[in-house]
């Protein structure tokens, strides 16, 4: 990671290019340092993120829309809609199905270098 990529303290979302990370899943990485990262996601209805896990703790807040999260190996499912916050522990398996056009802000601790 280059020196300028180690830390971005402030970012105006309109100046960040969205990256489609999976079909219908677009991410804007907003700010980060080695301890934390903030990302904005736009999720298209019908899109999904398969079951996965990562070292970072992931917490989020749904700004608009509705998604169905799966936690673990499918033993817990919950609906998150506008106004819902959530957290997934480090290495906790999780997946998402997008039920309607959704906008989410997520925070990762520590930051995810692959999102820079």
N, C-alpha and C. Protein backbone atom coordinates (compact mmCIF):
# COMPACT_ATOMS: atom_id res chain seq x y z
N UNK A 1 0.86 -1.17 0.00
CA UNK A 1 0.00 0.00 0.00
C UNK A 1 0.91 1.23 0.00
N UNK A 2 0.66 2.17 -0.89
CA UNK A 2 1.48 3.37 -0.96
C UNK A 2 1.23 4.26 0.24
N UNK A 3 2.16 5.18 0.50
CA UNK A 3 2.05 6.07 1.66
C UNK A 3 0.74 6.83 1.68
N UNK A 4 0.30 7.37 0.53
CA UNK A 4 -0.96 8.13 0.52
C UNK A 4 -2.19 7.24 0.73
N UNK A 5 -2.04 5.93 0.52
CA UNK A 5 -3.16 5.01 0.70
C UNK A 5 -3.27 4.51 2.15
N UNK A 6 -2.30 4.84 3.01
CA UNK A 6 -2.33 4.37 4.39
C UNK A 6 -3.38 5.09 5.22
N UNK A 7 -3.79 6.28 4.79
CA UNK A 7 -4.71 7.07 5.60
C UNK A 7 -5.43 8.10 4.72
N UNK A 8 -6.72 8.13 4.80
CA UNK A 8 -7.53 9.18 4.21
C UNK A 8 -8.44 9.67 5.32
N UNK A 9 -8.22 10.89 5.79
CA UNK A 9 -8.94 11.40 6.96
C UNK A 9 -10.33 11.93 6.63
N UNK A 10 -10.48 12.54 5.47
CA UNK A 10 -11.76 13.13 5.10
C UNK A 10 -12.02 12.88 3.62
N UNK A 11 -13.28 12.67 3.29
CA UNK A 11 -13.62 12.45 1.89
C UNK A 11 -15.06 12.89 1.67
N UNK A 12 -15.29 13.62 0.62
CA UNK A 12 -16.64 13.99 0.21
C UNK A 12 -17.13 12.89 -0.72
N UNK A 13 -18.23 12.26 -0.37
CA UNK A 13 -18.70 11.10 -1.11
C UNK A 13 -18.88 11.38 -2.61
N UNK A 14 -19.24 12.61 -2.97
CA UNK A 14 -19.44 12.90 -4.40
C UNK A 14 -18.13 12.87 -5.19
N UNK A 15 -16.98 12.88 -4.48
CA UNK A 15 -15.68 12.83 -5.15
C UNK A 15 -15.08 11.43 -5.21
N UNK A 16 -15.83 10.44 -4.75
CA UNK A 16 -15.33 9.06 -4.72
C UNK A 16 -16.00 8.25 -5.81
N UNK A 17 -15.20 7.53 -6.55
CA UNK A 17 -15.74 6.66 -7.61
C UNK A 17 -16.30 5.38 -7.00
N UNK A 18 -17.50 5.01 -7.39
CA UNK A 18 -18.10 3.76 -6.93
C UNK A 18 -17.48 2.60 -7.69
N UNK A 19 -17.27 1.49 -6.98
CA UNK A 19 -16.76 0.27 -7.61
C UNK A 19 -17.79 -0.84 -7.43
N UNK A 20 -18.14 -1.47 -8.55
CA UNK A 20 -19.05 -2.61 -8.46
C UNK A 20 -18.23 -3.82 -8.05
N UNK A 21 -18.42 -4.26 -6.81
CA UNK A 21 -17.61 -5.34 -6.26
C UNK A 21 -18.21 -6.72 -6.54
N UNK A 22 -19.51 -6.77 -6.72
CA UNK A 22 -20.26 -7.94 -7.16
C UNK A 22 -21.42 -7.39 -7.99
N UNK A 23 -22.05 -8.21 -8.83
CA UNK A 23 -23.18 -7.68 -9.61
C UNK A 23 -24.25 -7.05 -8.70
N UNK A 24 -24.51 -5.77 -8.93
CA UNK A 24 -25.53 -5.05 -8.16
C UNK A 24 -25.07 -4.55 -6.81
N UNK A 25 -23.78 -4.70 -6.48
CA UNK A 25 -23.22 -4.25 -5.20
C UNK A 25 -22.13 -3.24 -5.50
N UNK A 26 -22.39 -1.95 -5.19
CA UNK A 26 -21.42 -0.89 -5.46
C UNK A 26 -20.93 -0.28 -4.15
N UNK A 27 -19.61 -0.12 -4.04
CA UNK A 27 -18.98 0.40 -2.83
C UNK A 27 -18.20 1.67 -3.11
N UNK A 28 -18.32 2.63 -2.19
CA UNK A 28 -17.44 3.79 -2.15
C UNK A 28 -16.70 3.73 -0.82
N UNK A 29 -15.37 3.67 -0.89
CA UNK A 29 -14.57 3.71 0.33
C UNK A 29 -14.32 5.18 0.65
N UNK A 30 -14.75 5.60 1.83
CA UNK A 30 -14.77 7.03 2.16
C UNK A 30 -13.56 7.49 2.96
N UNK A 31 -13.32 6.92 4.12
CA UNK A 31 -12.19 7.35 4.94
C UNK A 31 -11.65 6.16 5.70
N UNK A 32 -10.35 6.23 6.04
CA UNK A 32 -9.76 5.13 6.78
C UNK A 32 -8.40 5.52 7.35
N UNK A 33 -8.01 4.75 8.35
CA UNK A 33 -6.64 4.67 8.82
C UNK A 33 -6.42 3.19 9.14
N UNK A 34 -5.34 2.83 9.79
CA UNK A 34 -5.09 1.39 10.00
C UNK A 34 -6.09 0.75 10.97
N UNK A 35 -6.74 1.56 11.81
CA UNK A 35 -7.67 1.00 12.79
C UNK A 35 -9.11 0.89 12.31
N UNK A 36 -9.53 1.73 11.39
CA UNK A 36 -10.96 1.77 11.03
C UNK A 36 -11.16 2.25 9.59
N UNK A 37 -12.33 1.91 9.05
CA UNK A 37 -12.68 2.29 7.67
C UNK A 37 -14.18 2.53 7.58
N UNK A 38 -14.57 3.52 6.80
CA UNK A 38 -15.98 3.82 6.55
C UNK A 38 -16.25 3.64 5.05
N UNK A 39 -17.33 2.90 4.74
CA UNK A 39 -17.71 2.65 3.35
C UNK A 39 -19.20 2.92 3.15
N UNK A 40 -19.55 3.31 1.95
CA UNK A 40 -20.93 3.53 1.54
C UNK A 40 -21.25 2.48 0.48
N UNK A 41 -22.39 1.81 0.64
CA UNK A 41 -22.80 0.77 -0.31
C UNK A 41 -24.16 1.09 -0.90
N UNK A 42 -24.30 0.90 -2.21
CA UNK A 42 -25.59 0.92 -2.90
C UNK A 42 -25.82 -0.51 -3.39
N UNK A 43 -26.96 -1.08 -3.01
CA UNK A 43 -27.28 -2.47 -3.31
C UNK A 43 -28.54 -2.53 -4.16
N UNK A 44 -28.47 -3.18 -5.28
CA UNK A 44 -29.61 -3.30 -6.18
C UNK A 44 -30.51 -4.46 -5.77
N UNK A 45 -31.81 -4.27 -5.92
CA UNK A 45 -32.78 -5.32 -5.61
C UNK A 45 -32.41 -6.60 -6.35
N UNK A 46 -32.42 -7.72 -5.63
CA UNK A 46 -32.10 -9.01 -6.23
C UNK A 46 -30.63 -9.40 -6.13
N UNK A 47 -29.76 -8.44 -5.79
CA UNK A 47 -28.34 -8.75 -5.66
C UNK A 47 -28.10 -9.54 -4.37
N UNK A 48 -26.96 -10.18 -4.28
CA UNK A 48 -26.62 -10.90 -3.06
C UNK A 48 -25.11 -10.93 -2.86
N UNK A 49 -24.73 -11.10 -1.61
CA UNK A 49 -23.34 -11.29 -1.23
C UNK A 49 -23.29 -12.67 -0.58
N UNK A 50 -22.50 -13.59 -1.13
CA UNK A 50 -22.49 -14.95 -0.60
C UNK A 50 -21.88 -15.01 0.80
N UNK A 51 -22.12 -16.11 1.47
CA UNK A 51 -21.58 -16.35 2.79
C UNK A 51 -20.07 -16.16 2.78
N UNK A 52 -19.57 -15.34 3.69
CA UNK A 52 -18.13 -15.04 3.76
C UNK A 52 -17.78 -14.62 5.18
N UNK A 53 -16.51 -14.40 5.42
CA UNK A 53 -16.03 -13.87 6.69
C UNK A 53 -14.70 -13.16 6.45
N UNK A 54 -14.30 -12.34 7.39
CA UNK A 54 -13.07 -11.57 7.28
C UNK A 54 -12.61 -11.18 8.68
N UNK A 55 -11.35 -10.80 8.82
CA UNK A 55 -10.82 -10.44 10.13
C UNK A 55 -11.44 -9.19 10.75
N UNK A 56 -11.95 -8.29 9.94
CA UNK A 56 -12.49 -7.02 10.45
C UNK A 56 -13.87 -7.21 11.08
N UNK A 57 -14.09 -6.53 12.19
CA UNK A 57 -15.44 -6.39 12.73
C UNK A 57 -16.18 -5.47 11.76
N UNK A 58 -17.42 -5.79 11.45
CA UNK A 58 -18.22 -5.02 10.49
C UNK A 58 -19.49 -4.55 11.17
N UNK A 59 -19.69 -3.25 11.23
CA UNK A 59 -20.95 -2.72 11.74
C UNK A 59 -21.54 -1.81 10.69
N UNK A 60 -22.87 -1.73 10.66
CA UNK A 60 -23.50 -0.95 9.62
C UNK A 60 -24.80 -0.32 10.06
N UNK A 61 -25.29 0.57 9.19
CA UNK A 61 -26.55 1.27 9.41
C UNK A 61 -27.25 1.39 8.07
N UNK A 62 -28.49 0.94 8.00
CA UNK A 62 -29.27 1.00 6.75
C UNK A 62 -29.91 2.38 6.66
N UNK A 63 -29.54 3.12 5.62
CA UNK A 63 -30.11 4.45 5.38
C UNK A 63 -31.49 4.36 4.73
N UNK A 64 -31.60 3.45 3.75
CA UNK A 64 -32.89 3.23 3.07
C UNK A 64 -32.86 1.84 2.47
N UNK A 65 -34.05 1.29 2.28
CA UNK A 65 -34.16 -0.03 1.66
C UNK A 65 -34.34 -1.14 2.67
N UNK A 66 -34.10 -2.36 2.19
CA UNK A 66 -34.37 -3.55 3.00
C UNK A 66 -33.52 -4.72 2.50
N UNK A 67 -32.83 -5.39 3.43
CA UNK A 67 -32.01 -6.55 3.10
C UNK A 67 -32.27 -7.67 4.11
N UNK A 68 -31.92 -8.89 3.70
CA UNK A 68 -32.00 -10.04 4.61
C UNK A 68 -30.58 -10.53 4.85
N UNK A 69 -30.15 -10.49 6.11
CA UNK A 69 -28.84 -10.99 6.49
C UNK A 69 -28.95 -12.41 7.00
N UNK A 70 -27.94 -13.18 6.70
CA UNK A 70 -27.76 -14.52 7.26
C UNK A 70 -26.51 -14.45 8.12
N UNK A 71 -26.60 -14.98 9.31
CA UNK A 71 -25.46 -15.01 10.23
C UNK A 71 -25.09 -16.46 10.49
N UNK A 72 -23.82 -16.76 10.53
CA UNK A 72 -23.38 -18.14 10.77
C UNK A 72 -23.68 -19.01 9.56
N UNK A 73 -24.04 -20.23 9.79
CA UNK A 73 -24.32 -21.17 8.70
C UNK A 73 -25.81 -21.22 8.36
N UNK A 74 -26.50 -20.10 8.52
CA UNK A 74 -27.91 -20.04 8.19
C UNK A 74 -28.81 -20.22 9.39
N UNK A 75 -28.20 -20.38 10.57
CA UNK A 75 -28.99 -20.60 11.77
C UNK A 75 -29.65 -19.33 12.29
N UNK A 76 -29.22 -18.17 11.82
CA UNK A 76 -29.89 -16.92 12.19
C UNK A 76 -30.06 -16.06 10.94
N UNK A 77 -31.28 -15.61 10.71
CA UNK A 77 -31.60 -14.73 9.59
C UNK A 77 -32.36 -13.55 10.18
N UNK A 78 -32.04 -12.34 9.70
CA UNK A 78 -32.79 -11.17 10.15
C UNK A 78 -32.92 -10.16 9.02
N UNK A 79 -33.98 -9.40 9.08
CA UNK A 79 -34.26 -8.34 8.10
C UNK A 79 -33.74 -7.02 8.67
N UNK A 80 -33.01 -6.29 7.86
CA UNK A 80 -32.53 -4.95 8.22
C UNK A 80 -33.15 -3.97 7.23
N UNK A 81 -33.77 -2.92 7.75
CA UNK A 81 -34.38 -1.89 6.90
C UNK A 81 -33.96 -0.53 7.42
N UNK A 82 -34.41 0.52 6.76
CA UNK A 82 -34.03 1.89 7.14
C UNK A 82 -34.15 2.06 8.64
N UNK A 83 -33.05 2.52 9.25
CA UNK A 83 -33.02 2.72 10.69
C UNK A 83 -32.42 1.58 11.48
N UNK A 84 -32.13 0.45 10.83
CA UNK A 84 -31.56 -0.71 11.51
C UNK A 84 -30.03 -0.61 11.53
N UNK A 85 -29.44 -0.92 12.68
CA UNK A 85 -27.98 -1.06 12.77
C UNK A 85 -27.67 -2.51 13.13
N UNK A 86 -26.44 -2.93 12.87
CA UNK A 86 -26.04 -4.32 13.08
C UNK A 86 -24.53 -4.40 13.23
N UNK A 87 -24.06 -5.54 13.72
CA UNK A 87 -22.63 -5.79 13.82
C UNK A 87 -22.35 -7.28 13.60
N UNK A 88 -21.25 -7.56 12.90
CA UNK A 88 -20.74 -8.91 12.73
C UNK A 88 -19.34 -8.94 13.34
N UNK A 89 -19.09 -9.92 14.19
CA UNK A 89 -17.80 -10.04 14.83
C UNK A 89 -16.72 -10.46 13.84
N UNK A 90 -15.49 -10.29 14.23
CA UNK A 90 -14.35 -10.75 13.44
C UNK A 90 -14.51 -12.23 13.13
N UNK A 91 -14.33 -12.60 11.86
CA UNK A 91 -14.42 -13.97 11.35
C UNK A 91 -15.81 -14.60 11.44
N UNK A 92 -16.82 -13.81 11.80
CA UNK A 92 -18.19 -14.33 11.84
C UNK A 92 -18.73 -14.46 10.42
N UNK A 93 -19.24 -15.63 10.06
CA UNK A 93 -19.79 -15.83 8.72
C UNK A 93 -21.09 -15.03 8.58
N UNK A 94 -21.26 -14.43 7.39
CA UNK A 94 -22.48 -13.68 7.11
C UNK A 94 -22.69 -13.56 5.60
N UNK A 95 -23.94 -13.34 5.21
CA UNK A 95 -24.33 -13.18 3.81
C UNK A 95 -25.49 -12.20 3.77
N UNK A 96 -25.81 -11.71 2.56
CA UNK A 96 -26.93 -10.76 2.43
C UNK A 96 -27.66 -10.99 1.11
N UNK A 97 -28.99 -10.88 1.16
CA UNK A 97 -29.85 -10.85 -0.02
C UNK A 97 -30.55 -9.51 0.00
N UNK A 98 -30.53 -8.82 -1.13
CA UNK A 98 -31.10 -7.47 -1.21
C UNK A 98 -32.57 -7.59 -1.64
N UNK A 99 -33.47 -7.16 -0.76
CA UNK A 99 -34.91 -7.28 -1.00
C UNK A 99 -35.48 -6.09 -1.75
N UNK A 100 -34.85 -4.93 -1.62
CA UNK A 100 -35.21 -3.74 -2.39
C UNK A 100 -33.99 -2.84 -2.47
N UNK A 101 -34.00 -1.89 -3.39
CA UNK A 101 -32.88 -0.95 -3.54
C UNK A 101 -32.49 -0.44 -2.15
N UNK A 102 -31.21 -0.59 -1.79
CA UNK A 102 -30.77 -0.30 -0.42
C UNK A 102 -29.49 0.52 -0.41
N UNK A 103 -29.39 1.38 0.59
CA UNK A 103 -28.20 2.21 0.82
C UNK A 103 -27.75 1.99 2.26
N UNK A 104 -26.48 1.67 2.43
CA UNK A 104 -25.93 1.32 3.74
C UNK A 104 -24.60 2.04 3.95
N UNK A 105 -24.34 2.45 5.18
CA UNK A 105 -23.02 2.90 5.61
C UNK A 105 -22.46 1.79 6.50
N UNK A 106 -21.22 1.36 6.22
CA UNK A 106 -20.59 0.32 7.03
C UNK A 106 -19.22 0.77 7.52
N UNK A 107 -18.87 0.24 8.70
CA UNK A 107 -17.60 0.55 9.35
C UNK A 107 -16.87 -0.76 9.59
N UNK A 108 -15.58 -0.77 9.32
CA UNK A 108 -14.76 -1.96 9.50
C UNK A 108 -13.60 -1.63 10.45
N UNK A 109 -13.36 -2.55 11.40
CA UNK A 109 -12.27 -2.38 12.35
C UNK A 109 -11.54 -3.70 12.48
N UNK A 110 -10.26 -3.80 12.14
CA UNK A 110 -9.46 -2.76 11.52
C UNK A 110 -9.88 -2.54 10.07
N UNK A 111 -9.26 -1.59 9.43
CA UNK A 111 -9.58 -1.32 8.02
C UNK A 111 -9.30 -2.55 7.16
N UNK A 112 -9.97 -2.59 6.01
CA UNK A 112 -9.77 -3.69 5.06
C UNK A 112 -8.88 -3.20 3.91
N UNK A 113 -7.63 -3.60 3.87
CA UNK A 113 -6.72 -3.08 2.84
C UNK A 113 -7.20 -3.31 1.42
N UNK A 114 -7.96 -4.40 1.19
CA UNK A 114 -8.46 -4.68 -0.16
C UNK A 114 -9.52 -3.67 -0.60
N UNK A 115 -10.02 -2.85 0.31
CA UNK A 115 -11.05 -1.84 -0.02
C UNK A 115 -10.43 -0.47 -0.33
N UNK A 116 -9.10 -0.32 -0.21
CA UNK A 116 -8.46 0.97 -0.52
C UNK A 116 -8.41 1.22 -2.01
